[in-house]
Amino acid sequence: MKLFNKSIHLSVSLAALFFAQASFADGTEAGTVVSNTATLSYAIGGVDQSPIDSKDENGNDETTFTVDQKVDLTVTGKNADLKSGVSPSSPKTATANKLTYELSNDGNSVQDFKITVSHLTGDDFDAGTTPATTAPQAAQACEFTVSPSATVNTLADTPTVTLGIDETARVMIES
């Protein structure tokens, strides 16, 4: 039982060592080559054991790896004051309603994001639904822009926005 407990402690210690190493790569740009060395010292029953050194397949002390691409994004709804929370910028019955979202690249490389906006009925943002209209406008009547570009898109468009690391684009949908 003692040997089993010591094996568990060693396994937990090794796992902690490997997970700690992974956290150092957080925020490192994709494609970066990282070199590192590690030495594991341990004791069994109070007796020091021979240290274990990291070596690559060629016997070199340094082990290298290439940081992989991490695709990570955040989409945040914004209200009329550009604070968190999605709500139309005007009362539901008014014209020129806007919904605003921010798209952030939280990954570790430049990313392309394809923007698709759908026109749904039965929600609180039906394009063209006012007391003067009985049904939502056709999907093409709803437009959107993606910053930093000022190009006006219809719902049939699917523009691609390229964002660098930690860059943000704003998607504004207007009816």
Protein backbone atom coordinates (compact mmCIF):
# COMPACT_ATOMS: atom_id res chain seq x y z
CA MET A 1 0.00 0.00 0.00
CA LYS A 2 2.88 2.39 0.80
CA LEU A 3 4.43 1.84 -2.63
CA PHE A 4 1.02 2.47 -4.24
CA ASN A 5 0.61 5.77 -2.34
CA LYS A 6 4.12 6.87 -3.31
CA SER A 7 3.36 6.04 -6.95
CA ILE A 8 0.25 8.18 -6.78
CA HIS A 9 2.21 11.06 -5.23
CA LEU A 10 4.86 10.75 -7.95
CA SER A 11 2.17 10.65 -10.68
CA VAL A 12 0.43 13.71 -9.25
CA SER A 13 3.76 15.55 -8.99
CA LEU A 14 4.66 14.68 -12.58
CA ALA A 15 1.23 15.79 -13.80
CA ALA A 16 1.59 19.09 -11.94
CA LEU A 17 5.01 19.59 -13.53
CA PHE A 18 3.69 19.00 -17.05
CA PHE A 19 0.61 21.21 -16.58
CA ALA A 20 2.76 23.99 -15.13
CA GLN A 21 4.98 23.85 -18.22
CA ALA A 22 1.93 24.16 -20.50
CA SER A 23 0.82 27.34 -18.74
CA PHE A 24 4.09 29.07 -19.64
CA ALA A 25 3.18 28.74 -23.34
CA ASP A 26 -0.10 30.62 -22.82
CA GLY A 27 0.02 33.83 -24.85
CA THR A 28 2.92 32.61 -26.99
CA GLU A 29 2.42 33.21 -30.71
CA ALA A 30 1.66 30.17 -32.87
CA GLY A 31 4.68 28.73 -34.67
CA THR A 32 7.13 29.78 -31.94
CA VAL A 33 9.74 27.12 -31.18
CA VAL A 34 10.20 26.66 -27.44
CA SER A 35 13.24 24.91 -25.94
CA ASN A 36 13.22 23.70 -22.38
CA THR A 37 14.98 21.38 -19.98
CA ALA A 38 13.65 19.62 -16.92
CA THR A 39 15.12 17.51 -14.17
CA LEU A 40 12.97 15.40 -11.91
CA SER A 41 14.41 14.65 -8.46
CA TYR A 42 12.52 12.39 -6.10
CA ALA A 43 12.88 10.04 -3.15
CA ILE A 44 11.28 6.72 -2.33
CA GLY A 45 11.04 5.77 1.32
CA GLY A 46 13.33 8.68 2.17
CA VAL A 47 16.04 7.40 -0.20
CA ASP A 48 17.03 9.80 -2.97
CA GLN A 49 16.73 8.29 -6.41
CA SER A 50 18.76 9.11 -9.50
CA PRO A 51 17.42 12.29 -11.13
CA ILE A 52 15.62 11.96 -14.45
CA ASP A 53 16.63 14.52 -17.08
CA SER A 54 14.66 15.51 -20.14
CA LYS A 55 16.28 14.43 -23.35
CA ASP A 56 14.97 14.43 -26.90
CA GLU A 57 15.16 11.45 -29.26
CA ASN A 58 18.78 12.42 -30.17
CA GLY A 59 19.95 12.54 -26.56
CA ASN A 60 20.13 16.35 -26.41
CA ASP A 61 19.34 17.87 -23.03
CA GLU A 62 16.99 20.48 -24.48
CA THR A 63 13.61 19.35 -25.67
CA THR A 64 11.88 21.58 -28.22
CA PHE A 65 8.31 21.88 -29.38
CA THR A 66 6.44 24.24 -31.67
CA VAL A 67 3.51 26.17 -30.21
CA ASP A 68 0.33 25.15 -32.03
CA GLN A 69 -2.33 27.52 -33.29
CA LYS A 70 -5.04 28.24 -30.73
CA VAL A 71 -8.34 29.38 -32.26
CA ASP A 72 -10.21 31.26 -29.56
CA LEU A 73 -12.82 33.96 -30.00
CA THR A 74 -15.31 35.84 -27.91
CA VAL A 75 -18.59 37.31 -29.17
CA THR A 76 -20.06 39.86 -26.78
CA GLY A 77 -23.41 41.56 -27.21
CA LYS A 78 -23.37 45.29 -26.59
CA ASN A 79 -26.24 47.61 -25.73
CA ALA A 80 -26.69 51.16 -27.05
CA ASP A 81 -24.03 52.43 -24.59
CA LEU A 82 -21.59 49.72 -25.82
CA LYS A 83 -21.76 48.00 -22.43
CA SER A 84 -22.35 44.25 -22.13
CA GLY A 85 -25.87 43.10 -22.93
CA VAL A 86 -27.73 43.00 -26.24
CA SER A 87 -30.73 45.23 -26.77
CA PRO A 88 -31.97 47.29 -29.70
CA SER A 89 -30.71 50.87 -29.67
CA SER A 90 -34.27 52.20 -30.11
CA PRO A 91 -37.72 51.06 -28.95
CA LYS A 92 -39.00 48.03 -30.84
CA THR A 93 -41.51 50.07 -32.85
CA ALA A 94 -38.95 52.64 -34.02
CA THR A 95 -37.05 52.51 -37.27
CA ALA A 96 -33.26 52.41 -37.53
CA ASN A 97 -32.85 49.86 -34.77
CA LYS A 98 -29.30 48.63 -34.22
CA LEU A 99 -27.83 45.59 -32.55
CA THR A 100 -24.13 45.64 -31.80
CA TYR A 101 -21.75 42.76 -31.15
CA GLU A 102 -17.99 42.68 -30.59
CA LEU A 103 -15.88 39.85 -31.95
CA SER A 104 -12.49 39.43 -30.24
CA ASN A 105 -9.59 37.26 -31.36
CA ASP A 106 -8.34 35.67 -28.14
CA GLY A 107 -6.15 33.16 -30.00
CA ASN A 108 -2.39 33.20 -30.52
CA SER A 109 -2.27 34.03 -34.25
CA VAL A 110 -3.94 36.20 -36.88
CA GLN A 111 -7.38 34.74 -37.65
CA ASP A 112 -9.95 35.19 -40.40
CA PHE A 113 -13.57 35.15 -39.25
CA LYS A 114 -16.47 34.83 -41.69
CA ILE A 115 -19.44 36.92 -40.55
CA THR A 116 -22.92 35.58 -41.23
CA VAL A 117 -26.02 37.42 -40.02
CA SER A 118 -29.43 35.72 -40.08
CA HIS A 119 -32.82 37.42 -40.24
CA LEU A 120 -35.13 35.70 -37.76
CA THR A 121 -38.78 36.51 -37.12
CA GLY A 122 -40.56 36.35 -33.80
CA ASP A 123 -37.81 37.93 -31.72
CA ASP A 124 -37.35 41.47 -30.38
CA PHE A 125 -35.48 42.65 -33.46
CA ASP A 126 -37.61 42.09 -36.53
CA ALA A 127 -36.39 44.35 -39.31
CA GLY A 128 -39.08 46.75 -40.43
CA THR A 129 -41.69 45.71 -37.89
CA THR A 130 -43.43 48.95 -36.96
CA PRO A 131 -47.09 49.85 -36.53
CA ALA A 132 -47.07 50.81 -40.24
CA THR A 133 -45.84 47.41 -41.44
CA THR A 134 -47.55 44.11 -40.88
CA ALA A 135 -44.61 41.83 -41.56
CA PRO A 136 -40.83 42.03 -41.29
CA GLN A 137 -39.00 43.43 -44.26
CA ALA A 138 -37.27 41.11 -46.65
CA ALA A 139 -33.94 39.88 -45.35
CA GLN A 140 -32.02 42.12 -47.74
CA ALA A 141 -33.55 45.20 -46.07
CA CYS A 142 -31.52 44.49 -42.96
CA GLU A 143 -27.91 45.68 -43.27
CA PHE A 144 -24.79 45.28 -41.20
CA THR A 145 -21.29 46.71 -41.00
CA VAL A 146 -18.15 45.18 -39.60
CA SER A 147 -15.54 47.56 -38.20
CA PRO A 148 -12.88 48.64 -38.88
CA SER A 149 -14.26 48.50 -42.45
CA ALA A 150 -17.25 50.75 -43.10
CA THR A 151 -18.60 48.58 -45.91
CA VAL A 152 -22.37 48.12 -45.70
CA ASN A 153 -23.39 44.48 -46.17
CA THR A 154 -26.75 42.87 -46.82
CA LEU A 155 -27.70 39.62 -45.15
CA ALA A 156 -26.79 37.78 -48.35
CA ASP A 157 -23.16 38.87 -47.85
CA THR A 158 -20.71 36.89 -45.75
CA PRO A 159 -17.69 39.15 -45.32
CA THR A 160 -14.46 37.92 -43.79
CA VAL A 161 -12.74 40.02 -41.15
CA THR A 162 -9.06 39.44 -40.34
CA LEU A 163 -8.11 40.09 -36.72
CA GLY A 164 -4.65 40.10 -35.21
CA ILE A 165 -3.97 38.75 -31.75
CA ASP A 166 -6.17 40.57 -29.20
CA GLU A 167 -7.86 42.67 -31.91
CA THR A 168 -11.60 43.32 -31.90
CA ALA A 169 -14.15 43.99 -34.63
CA ARG A 170 -17.60 45.47 -34.09
CA VAL A 171 -20.58 44.03 -35.96
CA MET A 172 -23.51 46.45 -36.12
CA ILE A 173 -26.84 45.19 -37.49
CA GLU A 174 -29.35 47.83 -38.53
CA SER A 175 -32.96 47.49 -39.62
